[in-house]
């Protein structure tokens, strides 16, 4: 059995009466990108802080690269790359100077670190020769990504990594993440950009009010989503005939009827619906692509109480 690069078991963090993270069990394996989703206040940031040893758990435990996340944090940090949503590097120093400072703190070999930083800068079109205060937020973000990855970490924890990046740079960043996965590194990717997570994550974990409400392979999670159908039958009579069968199709909901056109949603498996449609004369059948957003919204209601 493969040993996780990061693991939480029963991880809990309370701030007085507020439970920010509640009995969390979570793993990030080698060669895996884990998408970490949840709205503001769901407990994602607190979880990341617990895994990085920046906060002490109330109960439970977390390990990172075989080290206790709290008591052995400095040891684990040697092989962890972290990009926070809001990172602070010295604004008066150039990108190179900031990277060199971080390299010395880690005692990373200079030649390999500088070569990797140069490669990442070229791929992300980052200017390392200007003071950070003169750069746009997107260009500062590029420096943050380089700072997180230049020492070739075994585990990368990336919070909103593509914020402010243009589409071409986003595409290159995704290629870099794919290479990290192929090399055996693990990536915990926290993001509000659902298409990004859908594009690169192997599994998706969804937090709600401090609790983990879903953690599955991306394709499995998408298979549980609500699928939408837009069907044009040969004539109105065929449409009405199908509608009469709908009550027996328990997965069908949100039915709309306009002449020969019927629109509806199906939650979960669509086999019975497709079989029923096959017994009718159908002119066109459209099924808009299911998106991770459809899955994500299943876990959230308008009156959800959240914790952070």
Foldseek 3Di string as FASTA:
>chain_A
DFDFQKWWAQFWAADVVATLAGGDTDTWFWLFEEEEEEDPQLNPVVVVCCQQQVDPTPDTFMDHRNHTNNPCNVVRVLQEFEQAPDDDFPQQAFLVVRLVVLCVVSVADDVQLVVLLVVLCVLLVADRHGRNNPDDPQNVLSSSVSSRPSSPHLEYEYEASRVPGDPSSLVSVLVVVNVSSVVGGTYYYYHPPQVSCLVRGQWYWYGAQNYTPDIGGSVVLLLQFKKKKKWAAPWQVLQVVLVVCVVVVVQWDDWDDDTRIIIIIGGHDCVVVVVSCVVGGTDDMDIPRRTVVRSNVVVDDPPGDGHD
